Amino acid sequence: MMRQYAVIGLGKFGASVACTLAKLGHQVLAVDIDEDKVQQVADGVTHAVQADATDEDILRAIGIRNFDVVIVTIGHDVLSSILTCLILKDMGVTYVVGKAHDELHGKLLEKIGVEQVVYPERDMGARLAATLTSSNILEVIELSPDYDVVEITASSELIGRTLRELNLRAKLGVNVVAIRSTDNKVKVSPGPDDLIRKGDVLLALGTTESLGKLGKLG
């Protein structure tokens, strides 16, 4: 289903979010006070507008209330971030996502009614740490602020055992959703009696913390 998104704040994170949503087939309005940043994403989104998001009249003029989700990715200018989110909630925007620079910023966003708070710097830091400290983790894909999918090479602790024996769901809270063997054959939704062999790559779903524990096995 195609949805309408507005992204306010076109730093690296905001620009990436806006262009990715557009590539996924959604209508995207990108907004920033900096004309250069607007121009940089203009070709990758549905509409790009140079505007001051702390001006309620301007937000009304661009029809911000009509969007399904408004994502405020003004991170370091905490005052502008909070003012923008306050205006959006007062205007009746259904779902606001706010990027927080730190825990205090996040708590303030939650108190003014923002539906979802994201901490990209903190979360990417956790993901990078998990990848660097677990040599068998090949790639981390963020599904949500709390859940990831990782590609992980089977460690010695896993090799020669079935998924039933390993019982990763009960022990770690990790679900193995696919296994790729050394001949590049992929088994989706493997069963409990599927055996992990040397060289297998697992596609595993779980929280950042649980997947970090999986990466440390073996």
C-alpha atoms as a PDB file:
ATOM      1  CA  MET A   1       0.000   0.000   0.000  1.00  0.00           C
ATOM      2  CA  MET A   2       1.389   3.368  -1.039  1.00  0.00           C
ATOM      3  CA  ARG A   3       1.481   5.844   1.841  1.00  0.00           C
ATOM      4  CA  GLN A   4       2.252   9.522   2.029  1.00  0.00           C
ATOM      5  CA  TYR A   5       5.286  10.510   4.096  1.00  0.00           C
ATOM      6  CA  ALA A   6       6.792  13.880   4.925  1.00  0.00           C
ATOM      7  CA  VAL A   7      10.385  14.101   6.100  1.00  0.00           C
ATOM      8  CA  ILE A   8      11.400  17.325   7.846  1.00  0.00           C
ATOM      9  CA  GLY A   9      15.145  17.835   8.189  1.00  0.00           C
ATOM     10  CA  LEU A  10      17.412  16.675   5.368  1.00  0.00           C
ATOM     11  CA  GLY A  11      20.715  15.887   7.039  1.00  0.00           C
ATOM     12  CA  LYS A  12      22.338  12.558   6.134  1.00  0.00           C
ATOM     13  CA  PHE A  13      19.786  10.538   8.096  1.00  0.00           C
ATOM     14  CA  GLY A  14      16.726  12.481   6.917  1.00  0.00           C
ATOM     15  CA  ALA A  15      17.832  12.472   3.276  1.00  0.00           C
ATOM     16  CA  SER A  16      18.447   8.724   3.453  1.00  0.00           C
ATOM     17  CA  VAL A  17      15.016   8.082   4.978  1.00  0.00           C
ATOM     18  CA  ALA A  18      13.261  10.271   2.399  1.00  0.00           C
ATOM     19  CA  CYS A  19      14.979   8.746  -0.638  1.00  0.00           C
ATOM     20  CA  THR A  20      14.572   5.170   0.642  1.00  0.00           C
ATOM     21  CA  LEU A  21      10.832   5.642   1.219  1.00  0.00           C
ATOM     22  CA  ALA A  22      10.506   7.038  -2.306  1.00  0.00           C
ATOM     23  CA  LYS A  23      12.406   4.065  -3.769  1.00  0.00           C
ATOM     24  CA  LEU A  24       9.957   1.772  -1.966  1.00  0.00           C
ATOM     25  CA  GLY A  25       7.152   3.383  -3.964  1.00  0.00           C
ATOM     26  CA  HIS A  26       5.694   5.843  -1.454  1.00  0.00           C
ATOM     27  CA  GLN A  27       4.882   9.501  -2.001  1.00  0.00           C
ATOM     28  CA  VAL A  28       7.438  11.579  -0.130  1.00  0.00           C
ATOM     29  CA  LEU A  29       7.577  15.292   0.672  1.00  0.00           C
ATOM     30  CA  ALA A  30      11.040  16.403   1.792  1.00  0.00           C
ATOM     31  CA  VAL A  31      11.357  19.645   3.769  1.00  0.00           C
ATOM     32  CA  ASP A  32      14.375  21.617   4.998  1.00  0.00           C
ATOM     33  CA  ILE A  33      15.193  25.245   5.743  1.00  0.00           C
ATOM     34  CA  ASP A  34      18.424  24.868   3.733  1.00  0.00           C
ATOM     35  CA  GLU A  35      17.843  25.261  -0.017  1.00  0.00           C
ATOM     36  CA  ASP A  36      21.018  23.298  -0.883  1.00  0.00           C
ATOM     37  CA  LYS A  37      19.845  20.254   1.081  1.00  0.00           C
ATOM     38  CA  VAL A  38      16.445  20.462  -0.610  1.00  0.00           C
ATOM     39  CA  GLN A  39      18.082  20.497  -4.040  1.00  0.00           C
ATOM     40  CA  GLN A  40      20.257  17.496  -3.178  1.00  0.00           C
ATOM     41  CA  VAL A  41      17.228  15.230  -2.636  1.00  0.00           C
ATOM     42  CA  ALA A  42      14.820  16.845  -5.115  1.00  0.00           C
ATOM     43  CA  ASP A  43      15.335  14.218  -7.827  1.00  0.00           C
ATOM     44  CA  GLY A  44      14.902  11.330  -5.398  1.00  0.00           C
ATOM     45  CA  VAL A  45      11.536  12.234  -3.839  1.00  0.00           C
ATOM     46  CA  THR A  46       8.030  13.212  -4.962  1.00  0.00           C
ATOM     47  CA  HIS A  47       8.256  16.840  -3.786  1.00  0.00           C
ATOM     48  CA  ALA A  48      11.008  18.826  -2.086  1.00  0.00           C
ATOM     49  CA  VAL A  49      10.314  22.159  -0.397  1.00  0.00           C
ATOM     50  CA  GLN A  50      12.505  24.783   1.243  1.00  0.00           C
ATOM     51  CA  ALA A  51      10.619  25.877   4.352  1.00  0.00           C
ATOM     52  CA  ASP A  52      10.936  26.726   8.035  1.00  0.00           C
ATOM     53  CA  ALA A  53       9.141  23.864   9.801  1.00  0.00           C
ATOM     54  CA  THR A  54       8.705  25.900  12.982  1.00  0.00           C
ATOM     55  CA  ASP A  55       6.283  28.197  11.094  1.00  0.00           C
ATOM     56  CA  GLU A  56       2.775  26.793  11.495  1.00  0.00           C
ATOM     57  CA  ASP A  57       1.363  28.821   8.590  1.00  0.00           C
ATOM     58  CA  ILE A  58       3.936  27.353   6.201  1.00  0.00           C
ATOM     59  CA  LEU A  59       3.189  23.798   7.386  1.00  0.00           C
ATOM     60  CA  ARG A  60      -0.512  24.398   6.811  1.00  0.00           C
ATOM     61  CA  ALA A  61       0.189  25.824   3.345  1.00  0.00           C
ATOM     62  CA  ILE A  62       2.067  22.687   2.255  1.00  0.00           C
ATOM     63  CA  GLY A  63      -0.756  20.473   3.551  1.00  0.00           C
ATOM     64  CA  ILE A  64       1.328  18.663   6.161  1.00  0.00           C
ATOM     65  CA  ARG A  65      -1.773  17.405   7.983  1.00  0.00           C
ATOM     66  CA  ASN A  66      -2.734  15.254   4.983  1.00  0.00           C
ATOM     67  CA  PHE A  67       0.302  12.980   5.329  1.00  0.00           C
ATOM     68  CA  ASP A  68       0.026   9.524   6.901  1.00  0.00           C
ATOM     69  CA  VAL A  69       3.367   9.856   8.689  1.00  0.00           C
ATOM     70  CA  VAL A  70       5.549  12.896   9.357  1.00  0.00           C
ATOM     71  CA  ILE A  71       9.162  12.139  10.275  1.00  0.00           C
ATOM     72  CA  VAL A  72      11.047  14.941  12.030  1.00  0.00           C
ATOM     73  CA  THR A  73      14.766  14.301  11.638  1.00  0.00           C
ATOM     74  CA  ILE A  74      16.020  17.614  13.029  1.00  0.00           C
ATOM     75  CA  GLY A  75      18.468  16.101  15.493  1.00  0.00           C
ATOM     76  CA  HIS A  76      20.979  18.561  16.894  1.00  0.00           C
ATOM     77  CA  ASP A  77      18.753  21.675  16.932  1.00  0.00           C
ATOM     78  CA  VAL A  78      16.669  20.375  19.828  1.00  0.00           C
ATOM     79  CA  LEU A  79      14.500  23.485  20.120  1.00  0.00           C
ATOM     80  CA  SER A  80      13.494  23.420  16.445  1.00  0.00           C
ATOM     81  CA  SER A  81      12.822  19.678  16.684  1.00  0.00           C
ATOM     82  CA  ILE A  82      10.532  20.070  19.695  1.00  0.00           C
ATOM     83  CA  LEU A  83       8.727  23.130  18.280  1.00  0.00           C
ATOM     84  CA  THR A  84       8.111  21.352  14.984  1.00  0.00           C
ATOM     85  CA  CYS A  85       6.738  18.247  16.706  1.00  0.00           C
ATOM     86  CA  LEU A  86       4.532  20.376  18.965  1.00  0.00           C
ATOM     87  CA  ILE A  87       3.063  22.197  15.962  1.00  0.00           C
ATOM     88  CA  LEU A  88       2.459  18.918  14.119  1.00  0.00           C
ATOM     89  CA  LYS A  89       0.626  17.387  17.097  1.00  0.00           C
ATOM     90  CA  ASP A  90      -1.425  20.577  17.600  1.00  0.00           C
ATOM     91  CA  MET A  91      -2.388  20.460  13.924  1.00  0.00           C
ATOM     92  CA  GLY A  92      -3.652  16.918  14.331  1.00  0.00           C
ATOM     93  CA  VAL A  93      -1.039  14.999  12.349  1.00  0.00           C
ATOM     94  CA  THR A  94      -1.895  11.336  12.925  1.00  0.00           C
ATOM     95  CA  TYR A  95       1.567   9.804  13.335  1.00  0.00           C
ATOM     96  CA  VAL A  96       4.747  11.710  14.110  1.00  0.00           C
ATOM     97  CA  VAL A  97       8.188  10.092  14.275  1.00  0.00           C
ATOM     98  CA  GLY A  98      10.901  12.149  15.975  1.00  0.00           C
ATOM     99  CA  LYS A  99      14.653  11.718  15.715  1.00  0.00           C
ATOM    100  CA  ALA A 100      16.290  12.269  19.100  1.00  0.00           C
ATOM    101  CA  HIS A 101      19.850  13.437  19.642  1.00  0.00           C
ATOM    102  CA  ASP A 102      20.002  11.944  23.143  1.00  0.00           C
ATOM    103  CA  GLU A 103      17.843  10.417  25.901  1.00  0.00           C
ATOM    104  CA  LEU A 104      16.673  13.788  27.269  1.00  0.00           C
ATOM    105  CA  HIS A 105      15.630  14.956  23.811  1.00  0.00           C
ATOM    106  CA  GLY A 106      13.768  11.663  23.361  1.00  0.00           C
ATOM    107  CA  LYS A 107      11.926  11.993  26.665  1.00  0.00           C
ATOM    108  CA  LEU A 108      10.801  15.507  25.737  1.00  0.00           C
ATOM    109  CA  LEU A 109       9.504  14.269  22.385  1.00  0.00           C
ATOM    110  CA  GLU A 110       7.574  11.485  24.130  1.00  0.00           C
ATOM    111  CA  LYS A 111       6.050  13.969  26.602  1.00  0.00           C
ATOM    112  CA  ILE A 112       4.645  16.119  23.806  1.00  0.00           C
ATOM    113  CA  GLY A 113       2.943  13.109  22.247  1.00  0.00           C
ATOM    114  CA  VAL A 114       5.288  11.960  19.473  1.00  0.00           C
ATOM    115  CA  GLU A 115       4.202   8.434  18.526  1.00  0.00           C
ATOM    116  CA  GLN A 116       7.685   7.032  17.848  1.00  0.00           C
ATOM    117  CA  VAL A 117      11.130   8.254  18.891  1.00  0.00           C
ATOM    118  CA  VAL A 118      14.233   6.984  17.087  1.00  0.00           C
ATOM    119  CA  TYR A 119      17.877   7.264  18.136  1.00  0.00           C
ATOM    120  CA  PRO A 120      19.826   6.634  14.903  1.00  0.00           C
ATOM    121  CA  GLU A 121      23.267   7.534  16.298  1.00  0.00           C
ATOM    122  CA  ARG A 122      22.832   5.363  19.392  1.00  0.00           C
ATOM    123  CA  ASP A 123      21.251   2.469  17.501  1.00  0.00           C
ATOM    124  CA  MET A 124      23.802   2.504  14.689  1.00  0.00           C
ATOM    125  CA  GLY A 125      26.519   2.594  17.331  1.00  0.00           C
ATOM    126  CA  ALA A 126      25.085  -0.557  18.915  1.00  0.00           C
ATOM    127  CA  ARG A 127      24.877  -2.238  15.526  1.00  0.00           C
ATOM    128  CA  LEU A 128      28.418  -1.264  14.595  1.00  0.00           C
ATOM    129  CA  ALA A 129      29.703  -2.543  17.944  1.00  0.00           C
ATOM    130  CA  ALA A 130      27.864  -5.856  17.461  1.00  0.00           C
ATOM    131  CA  THR A 131      29.358  -6.231  13.978  1.00  0.00           C
ATOM    132  CA  LEU A 132      32.905  -5.337  15.018  1.00  0.00           C
ATOM    133  CA  THR A 133      32.971  -7.597  18.077  1.00  0.00           C
ATOM    134  CA  SER A 134      31.413 -10.584  16.297  1.00  0.00           C
ATOM    135  CA  SER A 135      33.612 -11.563  13.374  1.00  0.00           C
ATOM    136  CA  ASN A 136      30.988 -13.998  12.044  1.00  0.00           C
ATOM    137  CA  ILE A 137      28.304 -11.298  11.587  1.00  0.00           C
ATOM    138  CA  LEU A 138      28.382 -10.355   7.897  1.00  0.00           C
ATOM    139  CA  GLU A 139      25.623  -7.752   7.659  1.00  0.00           C
ATOM    140  CA  VAL A 140      23.080  -6.021   9.885  1.00  0.00           C
ATOM    141  CA  ILE A 141      19.755  -4.815   8.468  1.00  0.00           C
ATOM    142  CA  GLU A 142      17.580  -2.590  10.659  1.00  0.00           C
ATOM    143  CA  LEU A 143      13.886  -3.543  10.611  1.00  0.00           C
ATOM    144  CA  SER A 144      12.824  -1.146  13.347  1.00  0.00           C
ATOM    145  CA  PRO A 145      14.472   0.724  16.220  1.00  0.00           C
ATOM    146  CA  ASP A 146      14.409  -2.519  18.241  1.00  0.00           C
ATOM    147  CA  TYR A 147      14.630  -5.374  15.720  1.00  0.00           C
ATOM    148  CA  ASP A 148      17.279  -6.351  13.196  1.00  0.00           C
ATOM    149  CA  VAL A 149      18.004  -9.067  10.695  1.00  0.00           C
ATOM    150  CA  VAL A 150      21.601 -10.304  10.524  1.00  0.00           C
ATOM    151  CA  GLU A 151      23.523 -12.497   8.149  1.00  0.00           C
ATOM    152  CA  ILE A 152      25.840 -14.570  10.304  1.00  0.00           C
ATOM    153  CA  THR A 153      28.300 -17.332   9.467  1.00  0.00           C
ATOM    154  CA  ALA A 154      27.597 -20.469  11.505  1.00  0.00           C
ATOM    155  CA  SER A 155      30.083 -20.686  14.385  1.00  0.00           C
ATOM    156  CA  SER A 156      31.610 -23.869  15.810  1.00  0.00           C
ATOM    157  CA  GLU A 157      28.965 -23.780  18.576  1.00  0.00           C
ATOM    158  CA  LEU A 158      26.205 -24.170  15.951  1.00  0.00           C
ATOM    159  CA  ILE A 159      27.790 -26.534  13.416  1.00  0.00           C
ATOM    160  CA  GLY A 160      26.589 -30.147  13.500  1.00  0.00           C
ATOM    161  CA  ARG A 161      23.446 -29.388  15.499  1.00  0.00           C
ATOM    162  CA  THR A 162      19.830 -29.047  14.457  1.00  0.00           C
ATOM    163  CA  LEU A 163      17.702 -25.984  15.093  1.00  0.00           C
ATOM    164  CA  ARG A 164      15.713 -28.088  17.565  1.00  0.00           C
ATOM    165  CA  GLU A 165      18.864 -28.895  19.539  1.00  0.00           C
ATOM    166  CA  LEU A 166      20.047 -25.291  19.493  1.00  0.00           C
ATOM    167  CA  ASN A 167      16.617 -23.963  20.543  1.00  0.00           C
ATOM    168  CA  LEU A 168      17.744 -20.414  19.745  1.00  0.00           C
ATOM    169  CA  ARG A 169      14.246 -18.979  20.017  1.00  0.00           C
ATOM    170  CA  ALA A 170      13.843 -20.085  23.637  1.00  0.00           C
ATOM    171  CA  LYS A 171      17.451 -19.484  24.720  1.00  0.00           C
ATOM    172  CA  LEU A 172      18.206 -16.178  22.970  1.00  0.00           C
ATOM    173  CA  GLY A 173      14.942 -14.934  21.486  1.00  0.00           C
ATOM    174  CA  VAL A 174      16.375 -15.353  17.963  1.00  0.00           C
ATOM    175  CA  ASN A 175      14.467 -16.752  14.973  1.00  0.00           C
ATOM    176  CA  VAL A 176      16.426 -18.337  12.098  1.00  0.00           C
ATOM    177  CA  VAL A 177      14.381 -17.412   9.014  1.00  0.00           C
ATOM    178  CA  ALA A 178      16.686 -18.831   6.309  1.00  0.00           C
ATOM    179  CA  ILE A 179      19.870 -20.858   5.847  1.00  0.00           C
ATOM    180  CA  ARG A 180      22.223 -20.395   2.882  1.00  0.00           C
ATOM    181  CA  SER A 181      24.541 -23.328   2.260  1.00  0.00           C
ATOM    182  CA  THR A 182      28.029 -23.222   0.732  1.00  0.00           C
ATOM    183  CA  ASP A 183      26.579 -23.982  -2.741  1.00  0.00           C
ATOM    184  CA  ASN A 184      24.395 -20.825  -2.393  1.00  0.00           C
ATOM    185  CA  LYS A 185      21.148 -22.786  -2.038  1.00  0.00           C
ATOM    186  CA  VAL A 186      18.789 -20.977   0.309  1.00  0.00           C
ATOM    187  CA  LYS A 187      16.296 -22.741   2.559  1.00  0.00           C
ATOM    188  CA  VAL A 188      13.580 -20.332   3.693  1.00  0.00           C
ATOM    189  CA  SER A 189      11.719 -21.064   6.951  1.00  0.00           C
ATOM    190  CA  PRO A 190      13.953 -24.003   7.960  1.00  0.00           C
ATOM    191  CA  GLY A 191      12.399 -26.694  10.135  1.00  0.00           C
ATOM    192  CA  PRO A 192      13.483 -27.826  13.612  1.00  0.00           C
ATOM    193  CA  ASP A 193      15.326 -30.857  12.201  1.00  0.00           C
ATOM    194  CA  ASP A 194      17.431 -28.874   9.725  1.00  0.00           C
ATOM    195  CA  LEU A 195      21.126 -29.330  10.468  1.00  0.00           C
ATOM    196  CA  ILE A 196      23.622 -26.460  10.564  1.00  0.00           C
ATOM    197  CA  ARG A 197      26.701 -27.333   8.494  1.00  0.00           C
ATOM    198  CA  LYS A 198      30.147 -25.770   8.231  1.00  0.00           C
ATOM    199  CA  GLY A 199      30.075 -22.726   5.946  1.00  0.00           C
ATOM    200  CA  ASP A 200      26.318 -22.175   6.333  1.00  0.00           C
ATOM    201  CA  VAL A 201      25.139 -18.576   6.603  1.00  0.00           C
ATOM    202  CA  LEU A 202      22.080 -17.983   8.780  1.00  0.00           C
ATOM    203  CA  LEU A 203      19.583 -15.193   8.291  1.00  0.00           C
ATOM    204  CA  ALA A 204      18.424 -14.480  11.841  1.00  0.00           C
ATOM    205  CA  LEU A 205      15.763 -12.118  13.218  1.00  0.00           C
ATOM    206  CA  GLY A 206      15.807 -10.673  16.734  1.00  0.00           C
ATOM    207  CA  THR A 207      16.557  -7.698  18.928  1.00  0.00           C
ATOM    208  CA  THR A 208      19.951  -5.980  18.640  1.00  0.00           C
ATOM    209  CA  GLU A 209      20.866  -7.428  22.051  1.00  0.00           C
ATOM    210  CA  SER A 210      19.784 -11.015  21.274  1.00  0.00           C
ATOM    211  CA  LEU A 211      21.558 -11.029  17.920  1.00  0.00           C
ATOM    212  CA  GLY A 212      24.710  -9.735  19.625  1.00  0.00           C
ATOM    213  CA  LYS A 213      24.581 -12.779  21.914  1.00  0.00           C
ATOM    214  CA  LEU A 214      24.188 -15.062  18.890  1.00  0.00           C
ATOM    215  CA  GLY A 215      27.264 -13.445  17.336  1.00  0.00           C
ATOM    216  CA  LYS A 216      29.334 -14.290  20.411  1.00  0.00           C
ATOM    217  CA  LEU A 217      28.520 -18.027  20.319  1.00  0.00           C
ATOM    218  CA  GLY A 218      31.528 -20.158  19.414  1.00  0.00           C
END
